[in-house]
């Protein structure tokens, strides 16, 4: 005896519903695992303290597991800054964060900033209005 027959529209609707549920679960997990707003604010302030050498940051991602915290972000520095200097700044930011939250694993991705802010950079751009030039994503 043949099994149930699904129409293509039924299968598509089922897949769409499954995707919606997966997205909701992922968002809920992110909310539950992410650091509280006051901790995020403190992390942001530690990064901002290093302006103007730090020109901005983006893709700040955090999570917590037990007493451990995990922080990952992209830090933008002058494109002409030496690798050594950019790592010194990164180390100082990590030390400042670990002073408040000792059990924190940090990953800082250092990127050059040419003064053109991509859409994902604009919210955390530390350049003043005279230095900021919003670039279209297609120009990169």
N, C-alpha and C. Protein backbone atom coordinates (compact mmCIF):
# COMPACT_ATOMS: atom_id res chain seq x y z
N UNK A 1 0.85 -1.18 0.00
CA UNK A 1 0.00 0.00 0.00
C UNK A 1 0.89 1.24 0.00
N UNK A 2 0.65 2.18 -0.91
CA UNK A 2 1.46 3.39 -0.99
C UNK A 2 1.26 4.29 0.23
N UNK A 3 2.30 5.08 0.55
CA UNK A 3 2.24 6.01 1.68
C UNK A 3 1.42 7.24 1.33
N UNK A 4 1.37 8.19 2.25
CA UNK A 4 0.59 9.41 2.01
C UNK A 4 1.16 10.20 0.84
N UNK A 5 0.30 10.87 0.15
CA UNK A 5 0.68 11.68 -1.00
C UNK A 5 0.68 13.15 -0.57
N UNK A 6 1.80 13.81 -0.80
CA UNK A 6 1.91 15.23 -0.47
C UNK A 6 1.93 16.01 -1.77
N UNK A 7 1.17 17.04 -1.79
CA UNK A 7 1.24 17.96 -2.92
C UNK A 7 2.47 18.83 -2.74
N UNK A 8 2.96 19.36 -3.83
CA UNK A 8 4.14 20.21 -3.78
C UNK A 8 3.91 21.44 -2.91
N UNK A 9 2.72 22.03 -2.95
CA UNK A 9 2.40 23.19 -2.13
C UNK A 9 2.43 22.83 -0.65
N UNK A 10 1.94 21.63 -0.29
CA UNK A 10 1.97 21.19 1.10
C UNK A 10 3.41 21.03 1.58
N UNK A 11 4.24 20.44 0.76
CA UNK A 11 5.64 20.22 1.12
C UNK A 11 6.35 21.56 1.28
N UNK A 12 6.09 22.49 0.38
CA UNK A 12 6.72 23.81 0.46
C UNK A 12 6.29 24.52 1.75
N UNK A 13 5.01 24.47 2.06
CA UNK A 13 4.49 25.12 3.27
C UNK A 13 5.11 24.49 4.51
N UNK A 14 5.26 23.18 4.50
CA UNK A 14 5.87 22.49 5.64
C UNK A 14 7.32 22.91 5.82
N UNK A 15 8.06 23.00 4.73
CA UNK A 15 9.46 23.43 4.79
C UNK A 15 9.58 24.88 5.27
N UNK A 16 8.70 25.75 4.79
CA UNK A 16 8.72 27.15 5.22
C UNK A 16 8.44 27.25 6.71
N UNK A 17 7.48 26.50 7.19
CA UNK A 17 7.16 26.51 8.63
C UNK A 17 8.33 25.98 9.45
N UNK A 18 8.98 24.94 8.96
CA UNK A 18 10.14 24.39 9.66
C UNK A 18 11.26 25.43 9.74
N UNK A 19 11.48 26.16 8.66
CA UNK A 19 12.50 27.21 8.66
C UNK A 19 12.15 28.32 9.65
N UNK A 20 10.90 28.72 9.71
CA UNK A 20 10.47 29.74 10.67
C UNK A 20 10.76 29.30 12.09
N UNK A 21 10.47 28.06 12.40
CA UNK A 21 10.70 27.53 13.75
C UNK A 21 12.19 27.52 14.05
N UNK A 22 13.01 27.10 13.09
CA UNK A 22 14.46 27.07 13.30
C UNK A 22 15.02 28.47 13.55
N UNK A 23 14.53 29.46 12.82
CA UNK A 23 14.98 30.84 13.02
C UNK A 23 14.59 31.33 14.40
N UNK A 24 13.37 31.04 14.83
CA UNK A 24 12.93 31.44 16.18
C UNK A 24 13.78 30.80 17.26
N UNK A 25 14.09 29.52 17.09
CA UNK A 25 14.93 28.82 18.08
C UNK A 25 16.32 29.44 18.11
N UNK A 26 16.89 29.74 16.95
CA UNK A 26 18.22 30.34 16.90
C UNK A 26 18.23 31.71 17.58
N UNK A 27 17.20 32.52 17.34
CA UNK A 27 17.11 33.84 17.97
C UNK A 27 16.95 33.71 19.48
N UNK A 28 16.14 32.79 19.92
CA UNK A 28 15.95 32.57 21.35
C UNK A 28 17.25 32.11 21.99
N UNK A 29 17.95 31.20 21.34
CA UNK A 29 19.23 30.72 21.88
C UNK A 29 20.22 31.86 21.98
N UNK A 30 20.27 32.71 20.96
CA UNK A 30 21.18 33.87 20.99
C UNK A 30 20.83 34.79 22.15
N UNK A 31 19.55 35.04 22.36
CA UNK A 31 19.11 35.90 23.45
C UNK A 31 19.47 35.30 24.80
N UNK A 32 19.27 34.02 24.95
CA UNK A 32 19.55 33.36 26.23
C UNK A 32 21.03 33.26 26.51
N UNK A 33 21.85 33.09 25.48
CA UNK A 33 23.28 32.88 25.68
C UNK A 33 24.08 34.17 25.65
N UNK A 34 23.55 35.23 25.05
CA UNK A 34 24.27 36.48 24.93
C UNK A 34 24.44 37.14 26.30
N UNK A 35 25.44 38.00 26.40
CA UNK A 35 25.67 38.70 27.66
C UNK A 35 24.59 39.75 27.89
N UNK A 36 24.32 40.07 29.15
CA UNK A 36 23.33 41.11 29.48
C UNK A 36 23.75 42.47 28.93
N UNK A 37 22.78 43.34 28.73
CA UNK A 37 23.01 44.67 28.14
C UNK A 37 24.07 45.46 28.89
N UNK A 38 24.06 45.41 30.23
CA UNK A 38 25.04 46.20 30.98
C UNK A 38 26.47 45.70 30.75
N UNK A 39 26.63 44.40 30.54
CA UNK A 39 27.96 43.87 30.24
C UNK A 39 28.39 44.26 28.83
N UNK A 40 27.46 44.22 27.90
CA UNK A 40 27.76 44.66 26.53
C UNK A 40 28.16 46.13 26.51
N UNK A 41 27.47 46.95 27.28
CA UNK A 41 27.78 48.38 27.35
C UNK A 41 29.20 48.60 27.89
N UNK A 42 29.58 47.82 28.90
CA UNK A 42 30.92 47.95 29.47
C UNK A 42 31.98 47.54 28.45
N UNK A 43 31.73 46.47 27.72
CA UNK A 43 32.66 46.03 26.69
C UNK A 43 32.80 47.10 25.61
N UNK A 44 31.67 47.65 25.17
CA UNK A 44 31.71 48.73 24.17
C UNK A 44 32.52 49.92 24.68
N UNK A 45 32.32 50.28 25.95
CA UNK A 45 33.03 51.45 26.48
C UNK A 45 34.53 51.21 26.54
N UNK A 46 34.95 49.98 26.85
CA UNK A 46 36.39 49.68 26.86
C UNK A 46 36.98 49.83 25.46
N UNK A 47 36.25 49.42 24.45
CA UNK A 47 36.73 49.57 23.07
C UNK A 47 36.77 51.06 22.70
N UNK A 48 35.72 51.79 23.04
CA UNK A 48 35.61 53.20 22.69
C UNK A 48 36.67 54.06 23.36
N UNK A 49 37.20 53.61 24.51
CA UNK A 49 38.24 54.36 25.21
C UNK A 49 39.49 54.53 24.36
N UNK A 50 39.67 53.68 23.37
CA UNK A 50 40.88 53.71 22.57
C UNK A 50 40.74 54.51 21.28
N UNK A 51 39.63 55.24 21.14
CA UNK A 51 39.50 56.17 20.01
C UNK A 51 40.47 57.32 20.28
N UNK A 52 41.11 57.88 19.32
CA UNK A 52 40.92 57.72 17.89
C UNK A 52 41.76 56.61 17.25
N UNK A 53 42.66 55.96 18.04
CA UNK A 53 43.44 54.89 17.42
C UNK A 53 42.54 53.76 16.94
N UNK A 54 41.52 53.44 17.73
CA UNK A 54 40.50 52.51 17.26
C UNK A 54 39.46 53.36 16.57
N UNK A 55 39.26 53.11 15.31
CA UNK A 55 38.34 53.93 14.51
C UNK A 55 36.91 53.42 14.58
N UNK A 56 36.75 52.20 15.03
CA UNK A 56 35.41 51.63 15.13
C UNK A 56 35.49 50.14 15.36
N UNK A 57 34.33 49.54 15.49
CA UNK A 57 34.25 48.09 15.63
C UNK A 57 32.89 47.64 15.15
N UNK A 58 32.79 46.36 14.83
CA UNK A 58 31.52 45.80 14.41
C UNK A 58 31.53 44.29 14.66
N UNK A 59 30.42 43.68 14.39
CA UNK A 59 30.24 42.24 14.57
C UNK A 59 30.59 41.79 15.98
N UNK A 60 30.17 42.58 16.96
CA UNK A 60 30.37 42.20 18.36
C UNK A 60 29.43 41.06 18.68
N UNK A 61 30.01 39.92 19.01
CA UNK A 61 29.23 38.73 19.36
C UNK A 61 29.67 38.25 20.72
N UNK A 62 28.72 37.89 21.54
CA UNK A 62 29.04 37.42 22.89
C UNK A 62 28.18 36.23 23.25
N UNK A 63 28.67 35.47 24.19
CA UNK A 63 27.86 34.40 24.78
C UNK A 63 28.44 34.07 26.14
N UNK A 64 27.65 33.38 26.91
CA UNK A 64 28.07 32.99 28.26
C UNK A 64 27.74 31.53 28.46
N UNK A 65 28.67 30.83 29.08
CA UNK A 65 28.47 29.42 29.42
C UNK A 65 28.99 29.23 30.84
N UNK A 66 28.08 29.08 31.79
CA UNK A 66 28.49 29.01 33.19
C UNK A 66 29.12 30.33 33.60
N UNK A 67 30.32 30.27 34.17
CA UNK A 67 31.02 31.51 34.57
C UNK A 67 31.90 32.05 33.44
N UNK A 68 31.99 31.34 32.34
CA UNK A 68 32.82 31.74 31.21
C UNK A 68 32.05 32.68 30.28
N UNK A 69 32.76 33.70 29.80
CA UNK A 69 32.22 34.61 28.80
C UNK A 69 33.07 34.51 27.55
N UNK A 70 32.43 34.67 26.41
CA UNK A 70 33.12 34.63 25.13
C UNK A 70 32.75 35.90 24.36
N UNK A 71 33.77 36.63 23.95
CA UNK A 71 33.57 37.90 23.26
C UNK A 71 34.39 37.87 21.97
N UNK A 72 33.75 38.25 20.88
CA UNK A 72 34.39 38.25 19.57
C UNK A 72 33.94 39.53 18.85
N UNK A 73 34.90 40.28 18.32
CA UNK A 73 34.52 41.48 17.55
C UNK A 73 35.61 41.84 16.55
N UNK A 74 35.25 42.68 15.60
CA UNK A 74 36.17 43.19 14.60
C UNK A 74 36.51 44.62 14.97
N UNK A 75 37.80 44.90 15.11
CA UNK A 75 38.27 46.22 15.50
C UNK A 75 38.91 46.89 14.28
N UNK A 76 38.48 48.12 14.00
CA UNK A 76 39.00 48.86 12.85
C UNK A 76 40.03 49.88 13.30
N UNK A 77 41.19 49.85 12.65
CA UNK A 77 42.27 50.79 12.95
C UNK A 77 42.73 51.43 11.65
N UNK A 78 43.48 52.52 11.78
CA UNK A 78 44.03 53.19 10.60
C UNK A 78 44.76 52.17 9.74
N UNK A 79 44.52 52.22 8.46
CA UNK A 79 45.12 51.26 7.54
C UNK A 79 46.64 51.31 7.55
N UNK A 80 47.22 52.44 7.94
CA UNK A 80 48.67 52.59 7.97
C UNK A 80 49.28 52.22 9.33
N UNK A 81 48.45 51.85 10.30
CA UNK A 81 48.97 51.48 11.62
C UNK A 81 49.76 50.18 11.51
N UNK A 82 50.84 50.10 12.27
CA UNK A 82 51.65 48.88 12.24
C UNK A 82 50.89 47.72 12.89
N UNK A 83 51.22 46.54 12.45
CA UNK A 83 50.61 45.33 13.03
C UNK A 83 50.93 45.28 14.52
N UNK A 84 52.16 45.61 14.86
CA UNK A 84 52.58 45.59 16.27
C UNK A 84 51.73 46.54 17.11
N UNK A 85 51.54 47.76 16.63
CA UNK A 85 50.74 48.74 17.40
C UNK A 85 49.29 48.29 17.52
N UNK A 86 48.72 47.77 16.45
CA UNK A 86 47.32 47.34 16.51
C UNK A 86 47.15 46.19 17.50
N UNK A 87 48.15 45.32 17.59
CA UNK A 87 48.05 44.23 18.57
C UNK A 87 48.27 44.73 20.00
N UNK A 88 49.07 45.76 20.18
CA UNK A 88 49.23 46.36 21.51
C UNK A 88 47.89 46.91 21.99
N UNK A 89 47.19 47.61 21.11
CA UNK A 89 45.88 48.17 21.46
C UNK A 89 44.90 47.05 21.77
N UNK A 90 44.89 46.04 20.93
CA UNK A 90 44.00 44.90 21.13
C UNK A 90 44.27 44.25 22.50
N UNK A 91 45.54 44.07 22.83
CA UNK A 91 45.90 43.48 24.13
C UNK A 91 45.41 44.34 25.29
N UNK A 92 45.53 45.65 25.16
CA UNK A 92 45.08 46.55 26.24
C UNK A 92 43.57 46.50 26.40
N UNK A 93 42.84 46.42 25.29
CA UNK A 93 41.38 46.29 25.38
C UNK A 93 41.01 44.97 26.05
N UNK A 94 41.67 43.89 25.64
CA UNK A 94 41.37 42.59 26.24
C UNK A 94 41.69 42.59 27.74
N UNK A 95 42.81 43.21 28.12
CA UNK A 95 43.16 43.29 29.55
C UNK A 95 42.10 44.06 30.34
N UNK A 96 41.62 45.16 29.77
CA UNK A 96 40.59 45.98 30.45
C UNK A 96 39.30 45.18 30.64
N UNK A 97 38.91 44.43 29.62
CA UNK A 97 37.69 43.63 29.73
C UNK A 97 37.88 42.51 30.75
N UNK A 98 39.05 41.86 30.70
CA UNK A 98 39.30 40.75 31.63
C UNK A 98 39.43 41.23 33.07
N UNK A 99 39.77 42.51 33.26
CA UNK A 99 39.83 43.06 34.61
C UNK A 99 38.44 43.04 35.25
N UNK A 100 37.41 43.29 34.44
CA UNK A 100 36.04 43.25 34.95
C UNK A 100 35.46 41.84 34.93
N UNK A 101 35.82 41.08 33.91
CA UNK A 101 35.28 39.73 33.73
C UNK A 101 36.45 38.76 33.51
N UNK A 102 37.04 38.28 34.60
CA UNK A 102 38.27 37.48 34.51
C UNK A 102 38.15 36.21 33.65
N UNK A 103 37.03 35.56 33.66
CA UNK A 103 36.88 34.31 32.92
C UNK A 103 36.29 34.58 31.54
N UNK A 104 37.02 35.38 30.78
CA UNK A 104 36.55 35.77 29.46
C UNK A 104 37.56 35.36 28.40
N UNK A 105 37.07 34.73 27.37
CA UNK A 105 37.89 34.40 26.20
C UNK A 105 37.53 35.42 25.13
N UNK A 106 38.55 36.14 24.67
CA UNK A 106 38.33 37.20 23.68
C UNK A 106 39.02 36.88 22.37
N UNK A 107 38.34 37.21 21.29
CA UNK A 107 38.92 37.12 19.96
C UNK A 107 38.68 38.46 19.29
N UNK A 108 39.79 39.11 18.90
CA UNK A 108 39.70 40.41 18.24
C UNK A 108 40.26 40.26 16.83
N UNK A 109 39.44 40.57 15.86
CA UNK A 109 39.85 40.55 14.46
C UNK A 109 40.20 41.98 14.08
N UNK A 110 41.44 42.22 13.73
CA UNK A 110 41.89 43.58 13.43
C UNK A 110 41.76 43.81 11.92
N UNK A 111 41.10 44.92 11.57
CA UNK A 111 40.86 45.24 10.17
C UNK A 111 41.28 46.68 9.88
N UNK A 112 41.74 46.95 8.66
CA UNK A 112 42.09 48.33 8.30
C UNK A 112 40.84 49.16 8.06
N UNK A 113 40.93 50.41 8.45
CA UNK A 113 39.84 51.36 8.19
C UNK A 113 40.41 52.47 7.31
N UNK A 114 39.73 52.70 6.18
CA UNK A 114 40.15 53.74 5.24
C UNK A 114 39.25 54.97 5.32
N UNK A 115 38.34 55.00 6.31
CA UNK A 115 37.44 56.13 6.46
C UNK A 115 36.10 55.94 5.78
N UNK A 116 35.94 54.86 5.07
CA UNK A 116 34.67 54.54 4.42
C UNK A 116 33.93 53.53 5.29
N UNK A 117 32.79 53.92 5.79
CA UNK A 117 32.04 53.04 6.69
C UNK A 117 31.03 52.22 5.90
N UNK A 118 31.16 50.93 5.97
CA UNK A 118 30.17 50.03 5.40
C UNK A 118 28.96 50.02 6.32
N UNK A 119 27.81 49.59 5.84
CA UNK A 119 26.61 49.59 6.68
C UNK A 119 26.80 48.91 8.04
N UNK A 120 27.55 47.80 8.09
CA UNK A 120 27.73 47.12 9.37
C UNK A 120 28.67 47.85 10.31
N UNK A 121 29.40 48.84 9.80
CA UNK A 121 30.35 49.61 10.62
C UNK A 121 29.74 50.88 11.21
N UNK A 122 28.71 51.39 10.59
CA UNK A 122 28.20 52.73 10.92
C UNK A 122 27.79 52.86 12.38
N UNK A 123 27.10 51.89 12.93
CA UNK A 123 26.60 52.00 14.30
C UNK A 123 27.70 52.15 15.33
N UNK A 124 28.84 51.53 15.11
CA UNK A 124 29.93 51.56 16.09
C UNK A 124 31.15 52.31 15.55
N UNK A 125 30.93 53.18 14.56
CA UNK A 125 32.02 53.97 14.00
C UNK A 125 32.44 55.02 15.03
N UNK A 126 33.73 55.16 15.24
CA UNK A 126 34.24 56.12 16.21
C UNK A 126 34.88 57.34 15.53
N UNK A 127 34.77 57.41 14.20
CA UNK A 127 35.26 58.58 13.48
C UNK A 127 34.30 59.73 13.68
N UNK A 128 34.83 60.96 13.66
CA UNK A 128 33.92 62.10 13.75
C UNK A 128 33.28 62.32 12.38
N UNK A 129 32.31 63.19 12.34
CA UNK A 129 31.53 63.40 11.12
C UNK A 129 32.41 63.84 9.94
N UNK A 130 33.46 64.60 10.20
CA UNK A 130 34.33 65.05 9.11
C UNK A 130 35.10 63.89 8.49
N UNK A 131 35.40 62.86 9.27
CA UNK A 131 36.19 61.73 8.77
C UNK A 131 35.33 60.62 8.17
N UNK A 132 34.07 60.63 8.49
CA UNK A 132 33.21 59.52 8.08
C UNK A 132 32.70 59.68 6.64
N UNK A 133 32.86 58.67 5.89
CA UNK A 133 32.34 58.61 4.52
C UNK A 133 31.64 57.27 4.37
N UNK A 134 30.35 57.31 4.25
CA UNK A 134 29.62 56.06 4.13
C UNK A 134 29.80 55.52 2.71
N UNK A 135 30.34 54.31 2.65
CA UNK A 135 30.60 53.69 1.34
C UNK A 135 29.51 52.68 1.03
N UNK A 136 29.21 52.55 -0.21
CA UNK A 136 28.25 51.53 -0.61
C UNK A 136 28.95 50.17 -0.61
N UNK A 137 28.23 49.18 -0.22
CA UNK A 137 28.78 47.84 -0.14
C UNK A 137 29.38 47.41 -1.48
N UNK A 138 28.78 47.83 -2.57
CA UNK A 138 29.25 47.42 -3.88
C UNK A 138 30.63 48.01 -4.22
N UNK A 139 31.01 49.08 -3.52
CA UNK A 139 32.29 49.72 -3.86
C UNK A 139 33.48 48.95 -3.32
N UNK A 140 33.24 47.96 -2.50
CA UNK A 140 34.36 47.17 -1.94
C UNK A 140 34.66 46.01 -2.81
